[in-house]
Protein backbone atom coordinates (compact mmCIF):
# COMPACT_ATOMS: atom_id res chain seq x y z
CA MET A 1 0.00 0.00 0.00
CA SER A 2 1.51 3.33 -1.07
CA LEU A 3 1.90 6.11 1.46
CA PRO A 4 -0.49 9.08 1.08
CA PHE A 5 2.29 11.63 1.53
CA GLU A 6 4.34 13.70 -0.90
CA LEU A 7 7.06 15.97 0.47
CA ASP A 8 5.99 19.00 -1.58
CA VAL A 9 2.42 18.61 -0.34
CA LEU A 10 3.55 18.21 3.26
CA ARG A 11 5.76 21.29 2.92
CA THR A 12 2.71 23.27 1.75
CA PHE A 13 0.63 21.88 4.62
CA VAL A 14 3.22 23.01 7.18
CA ALA A 15 3.55 26.41 5.50
CA ILE A 16 -0.22 26.97 5.77
CA VAL A 17 -0.12 26.21 9.49
CA GLU A 18 2.96 28.36 10.17
CA ASN A 19 1.70 31.32 8.13
CA GLY A 20 -1.90 31.24 9.30
CA GLY A 21 -3.62 30.78 5.95
CA PHE A 22 -3.48 29.88 2.28
CA THR A 23 -2.54 33.34 0.99
CA ARG A 24 0.65 33.80 3.00
CA ALA A 25 1.52 30.12 2.57
CA SER A 26 1.36 30.50 -1.22
CA GLU A 27 3.93 33.31 -0.97
CA ARG A 28 6.07 31.17 1.34
CA VAL A 29 6.27 28.15 -0.95
CA GLY A 30 6.31 30.12 -4.21
CA ARG A 31 3.06 28.73 -5.62
CA THR A 32 -0.28 30.24 -6.56
CA GLN A 33 -3.09 30.12 -4.03
CA SER A 34 -5.10 27.83 -6.31
CA THR A 35 -2.18 25.38 -6.47
CA VAL A 36 -1.90 25.43 -2.67
CA SER A 37 -5.63 24.69 -2.39
CA LEU A 38 -5.31 21.80 -4.84
CA GLN A 39 -2.40 20.36 -2.85
CA VAL A 40 -4.48 20.40 0.33
CA LYS A 41 -7.39 18.73 -1.45
CA LYS A 42 -4.98 16.10 -2.76
CA LEU A 43 -3.64 15.45 0.74
CA GLU A 44 -7.12 15.19 2.24
CA SER A 45 -8.29 12.92 -0.58
CA ARG A 46 -5.39 10.51 -0.06
CA LEU A 47 -5.84 10.52 3.71
CA GLY A 48 -9.61 10.22 3.49
CA ARG A 49 -9.81 12.88 6.20
CA ARG A 50 -9.88 16.65 6.40
CA VAL A 51 -6.88 18.41 7.91
CA PHE A 52 -8.33 21.94 8.04
CA GLU A 53 -11.63 23.37 9.26
CA ARG A 54 -12.90 25.92 6.76
CA GLU A 55 -15.73 27.94 8.25
CA ALA A 56 -16.60 31.36 6.85
CA GLY A 57 -15.70 34.21 9.16
CA ARG A 58 -13.34 32.12 11.29
CA GLU A 59 -9.58 31.74 11.25
CA LEU A 60 -8.29 28.58 9.60
CA GLN A 61 -8.08 25.79 12.18
CA LEU A 62 -6.56 22.32 12.14
CA THR A 63 -8.88 19.38 12.55
CA PRO A 64 -7.90 16.76 15.16
CA GLU A 65 -6.45 14.72 12.27
CA GLY A 66 -4.50 17.77 11.09
CA GLU A 67 -3.05 18.24 14.58
CA ILE A 68 -1.89 14.61 14.55
CA LEU A 69 -0.32 15.01 11.10
CA LEU A 70 1.57 18.26 11.80
CA PRO A 71 4.45 16.94 13.97
CA TYR A 72 4.90 13.94 11.67
CA ALA A 73 4.99 16.23 8.62
CA ARG A 74 7.71 18.33 10.23
CA GLN A 75 9.71 15.22 11.10
CA MET A 76 9.42 13.82 7.57
CA LEU A 77 10.51 17.10 5.99
CA GLY A 78 13.41 17.38 8.41
CA LEU A 79 14.59 13.84 7.69
CA ALA A 80 14.31 14.43 3.94
CA ASP A 81 16.45 17.57 4.17
CA GLU A 82 18.97 15.75 6.34
CA ALA A 83 19.17 12.79 3.95
CA ARG A 84 19.66 15.09 0.98
CA SER A 85 22.54 16.82 2.73
CA ARG A 86 24.22 13.58 3.79
CA LEU A 87 23.97 12.01 0.34
CA MET A 88 24.70 15.03 -1.85
CA GLU A 89 27.24 16.92 0.30
CA PRO A 90 29.26 14.31 2.23
CA ASP A 91 32.60 14.70 4.00
CA ILE A 92 32.54 18.46 4.46
CA VAL A 93 35.01 19.69 7.06
CA GLY A 94 35.59 23.18 8.44
CA ARG A 95 34.29 26.01 10.57
CA VAL A 96 31.40 28.40 9.82
CA ARG A 97 30.79 31.65 11.69
CA LEU A 98 27.10 32.65 11.56
CA GLY A 99 25.57 35.86 12.91
CA THR A 100 21.82 36.06 13.45
CA PRO A 101 19.15 38.10 15.28
CA GLU A 102 18.42 36.54 18.67
CA ASP A 103 14.64 36.19 18.31
CA PHE A 104 14.89 34.59 14.88
CA ALA A 105 17.59 32.22 16.11
CA THR A 106 15.48 31.20 19.09
CA THR A 107 12.30 30.54 17.12
CA HIS A 108 13.31 29.31 13.67
CA LEU A 109 16.95 28.23 13.58
CA PRO A 110 17.48 25.53 16.25
CA GLU A 111 16.04 22.65 14.24
CA VAL A 112 17.53 23.98 10.98
CA LEU A 113 21.02 24.07 12.50
CA ALA A 114 20.52 20.73 14.27
CA ARG A 115 19.72 19.03 10.96
CA PHE A 116 22.81 20.58 9.39
CA ALA A 117 24.99 19.43 12.30
CA ARG A 118 23.69 15.86 11.99
CA ALA A 119 24.28 15.87 8.25
CA HIS A 120 27.77 17.40 8.56
CA PRO A 121 29.22 16.32 11.91
CA GLN A 122 32.73 17.50 10.95
CA VAL A 123 31.64 21.11 10.49
CA ALA A 124 32.07 23.33 13.57
CA LEU A 125 29.30 25.92 13.85
CA GLU A 126 29.94 29.19 15.69
CA VAL A 127 26.66 31.11 16.08
CA ASN A 128 26.42 34.60 17.57
CA CYS A 129 23.21 36.56 18.21
CA ASP A 130 22.99 40.36 18.10
CA PHE A 131 21.07 43.32 16.71
CA THR A 132 21.07 43.77 12.94
CA VAL A 133 23.20 46.95 13.06
CA ASN A 134 25.83 45.21 15.17
CA LEU A 135 25.72 42.08 13.00
CA LEU A 136 26.29 44.08 9.82
CA ASP A 137 29.11 46.05 11.41
CA ALA A 138 30.87 42.84 12.48
CA PHE A 139 30.14 41.30 9.07
CA SER A 140 31.83 44.24 7.32
CA LYS A 141 34.90 43.60 9.47
CA GLY A 142 35.10 39.97 8.35
CA LEU A 143 33.97 38.44 11.63
CA TYR A 144 31.23 36.29 10.03
CA ASP A 145 31.12 33.95 7.05
CA LEU A 146 27.34 34.16 6.90
CA VAL A 147 24.95 36.64 8.46
CA LEU A 148 21.18 36.72 8.81
CA PHE A 149 19.81 40.22 9.31
CA LYS A 150 16.55 42.14 9.28
CA ARG A 151 15.57 44.91 6.90
CA ALA A 152 12.55 46.50 5.26
CA PRO A 153 11.55 44.44 2.18
CA GLN A 154 13.31 45.87 -0.85
CA GLY A 155 13.38 43.08 -3.40
CA PRO A 156 16.46 41.48 -4.96
CA GLY A 157 19.92 42.71 -4.09
CA GLY A 158 22.13 42.69 -1.04
CA GLY A 159 21.54 39.10 -0.03
CA VAL A 160 18.90 36.38 -0.30
CA GLY A 161 15.52 36.90 1.32
CA VAL A 162 14.68 33.77 3.32
CA TRP A 163 11.78 34.88 5.52
CA LYS A 164 9.14 37.59 5.66
CA GLU A 165 7.83 38.81 8.99
CA VAL A 166 4.35 40.25 9.48
CA LEU A 167 4.64 42.46 12.56
CA VAL A 168 1.77 42.91 15.02
CA TRP A 169 1.07 44.79 18.24
CA ALA A 170 0.73 42.38 21.16
CA ALA A 171 -0.30 42.79 24.79
CA SER A 172 -1.49 40.83 27.81
CA PRO A 173 -5.18 40.74 28.77
CA ARG A 174 -3.96 42.16 32.10
CA LEU A 175 -2.99 45.46 30.46
CA VAL A 176 -5.51 48.29 30.78
CA LEU A 177 -4.98 50.98 28.15
CA ASP A 178 -6.11 54.52 28.97
CA ALA A 179 -7.15 56.35 25.82
CA GLY A 180 -5.99 59.64 27.30
CA GLN A 181 -2.48 58.45 28.18
CA PRO A 182 0.63 57.71 26.06
CA VAL A 183 0.89 54.12 24.86
CA PRO A 184 3.13 52.13 27.26
CA LEU A 185 5.71 50.32 25.15
CA ILE A 186 7.92 47.30 25.80
CA LEU A 187 10.68 47.29 23.20
CA ALA A 188 14.25 46.25 22.63
CA PRO A 189 16.80 49.07 22.91
CA VAL A 190 18.28 51.07 20.04
CA PRO A 191 19.15 50.05 17.29
CA ASP A 192 16.41 47.36 17.12
CA ILE A 193 14.51 47.49 13.82
CA TYR A 194 11.15 46.63 15.45
CA ARG A 195 11.59 49.56 17.83
CA LYS A 196 12.30 51.89 14.94
CA GLY A 197 9.23 50.73 13.00
CA ALA A 198 6.94 50.86 16.03
CA LEU A 199 7.89 54.40 17.01
CA ALA A 200 7.70 55.64 13.42
CA SER A 201 4.21 54.15 13.02
CA LEU A 202 2.94 55.71 16.24
CA ASP A 203 4.46 59.08 15.38
CA ALA A 204 2.89 59.00 11.91
CA ALA A 205 -0.49 58.23 13.49
CA GLY A 206 -0.09 61.06 15.98
CA LYS A 207 -0.18 58.75 19.01
CA GLU A 208 1.88 59.59 22.06
CA TRP A 209 4.02 56.85 23.58
CA ARG A 210 6.44 56.14 26.39
CA ILE A 211 8.92 53.31 26.92
CA THR A 212 8.00 51.43 30.11
CA TYR A 213 10.38 48.48 29.73
CA SER A 214 13.39 47.77 27.55
CA SER A 215 15.35 44.54 27.15
CA PRO A 216 17.58 43.03 24.44
CA SER A 217 16.15 39.59 25.27
CA LEU A 218 13.04 38.20 23.57
CA ALA A 219 12.22 36.24 26.73
CA GLY A 220 12.59 39.39 28.81
CA LEU A 221 10.26 41.37 26.55
CA GLN A 222 7.63 38.63 26.55
CA ALA A 223 7.80 38.32 30.34
CA ALA A 224 7.20 42.06 30.72
CA VAL A 225 4.25 41.93 28.32
CA LYS A 226 2.78 38.95 30.18
CA ALA A 227 2.98 40.95 33.41
CA GLY A 228 0.88 43.70 31.82
CA LEU A 229 3.55 46.39 31.71
CA GLY A 230 2.83 47.50 28.18
CA VAL A 231 2.48 46.76 24.46
CA THR A 232 5.19 45.25 22.28
CA VAL A 233 5.83 44.45 18.62
CA LEU A 234 6.37 40.83 17.53
CA PRO A 235 6.31 38.81 14.33
CA ARG A 236 2.88 37.19 14.13
CA GLU A 237 4.30 33.66 14.41
CA MET A 238 6.18 34.56 17.61
CA VAL A 239 3.16 35.79 19.57
CA PRO A 240 2.79 33.49 22.61
CA PRO A 241 -0.58 31.89 23.42
CA GLY A 242 -2.74 34.10 25.57
CA PHE A 243 -1.47 37.41 24.19
CA LEU A 244 -3.93 39.79 22.54
CA LEU A 245 -3.37 41.29 19.09
CA LEU A 246 -4.10 45.01 18.84
CA GLY A 247 -5.06 46.74 15.62
CA PRO A 248 -7.08 49.63 14.17
CA GLU A 249 -10.07 48.77 16.38
CA GLN A 250 -7.92 49.57 19.42
CA GLY A 251 -6.36 52.61 17.76
CA PHE A 252 -3.04 51.00 16.74
CA PRO A 253 -1.61 51.75 13.29
CA ALA A 254 -0.33 49.17 10.82
CA LEU A 255 3.31 48.21 11.22
CA PRO A 256 5.91 47.98 8.43
CA ALA A 257 6.87 44.48 7.34
CA THR A 258 10.40 43.19 7.71
CA GLU A 259 12.33 40.42 6.02
CA ILE A 260 15.19 38.19 7.07
CA VAL A 261 18.07 38.22 4.61
CA LEU A 262 21.04 35.85 4.33
CA ASN A 263 24.31 37.30 3.10
CA HIS A 264 27.78 35.83 2.86
CA ALA A 265 31.25 37.27 3.05
CA PRO A 266 32.78 38.51 -0.22
CA GLY A 267 35.19 36.22 -1.99
CA THR A 268 35.22 32.45 -2.17
CA LEU A 269 33.30 30.69 0.58
CA SER A 270 34.53 27.45 2.09
CA ARG A 271 32.59 24.30 1.21
CA ALA A 272 31.27 24.24 4.77
CA ALA A 273 29.91 27.81 4.54
CA GLN A 274 28.43 27.13 1.10
CA ALA A 275 26.70 24.03 2.44
CA LEU A 276 25.24 25.88 5.42
CA SER A 277 24.07 28.75 3.21
CA GLN A 278 22.27 26.37 0.86
CA HIS A 279 20.83 24.45 3.79
CA ILE A 280 19.39 27.59 5.43
CA ILE A 281 17.86 28.78 2.16
CA SER A 282 16.28 25.42 1.34
CA SER A 283 15.02 24.97 4.89
CA LEU A 284 13.46 28.40 5.32
CA GLU A 285 12.54 29.00 1.68
CA ASN A 286 12.19 32.34 -0.08
CA VAL A 287 8.78 33.67 0.92
CA SER A 288 8.55 36.03 -2.03
CA GLY A 289 8.17 33.09 -4.39
CA GLU A 290 10.84 34.61 -6.61
CA ALA A 291 14.19 33.14 -7.53
CA HIS A 292 16.92 33.83 -5.00
CA VAL A 293 18.84 36.79 -6.36
CA SER A 294 21.97 38.23 -4.85
CA SER A 295 24.07 41.25 -5.65
CA ARG A 296 27.21 39.19 -5.20
């Protein structure tokens, strides 16, 4: 009996879950929305079960069967990526220095890097987390082979876009906002790109604000929000359960989008650095659906 799974279909299924819907998932996997819908129908037909609840006016939800499938789908995709690396890029030896934003590293990179380490056990990974401005400064000084950094979406050039972030305002139900008072903000310190975008958006909307808590740590920011000290800005997929999303109904302006870009040092990269670069790109995928284009 043949298995009802195809890796491309499973990758689309996971993308729908992680991006909260068919539209953003189609951008993530580089396919049209109609193709994504057909892939889901194909998966459900082969399983003989529905994996998504589709009720008008409600957010897309997994069925109980979809919740069972999700961790297995992630495991199968991870094993496939690992097998491809082991078979197609064996015996790579060396050291790779990678710089990355701390929140992105915490949420998205651990499993990606773990698969690479299993596939290439003779490659030593040195990963450092910092703000984008600091990462780019160190990168310009030759301290990194590869660097992931955040910027406003600007299309091809200056690296490979590997992830798009939809930013949202988030707060705890414990927070009571007074319409007549400045917005209490919980943000990372300068030069954080989320901070810059949040303050610019509030200023453009004519809303007063004050910083009530500042921390360079994602965990520290989330703890302060949970305690009800203020409002923060997070990528939608990083909003913890129980937090409230604030938008125009609560008087909060739209936030600018950001993207995560992978860039590598000028000159010839080592085989180890090339392998890690390709692994990160294939694991995260280019959410724009366009070919990876670099200015290098």
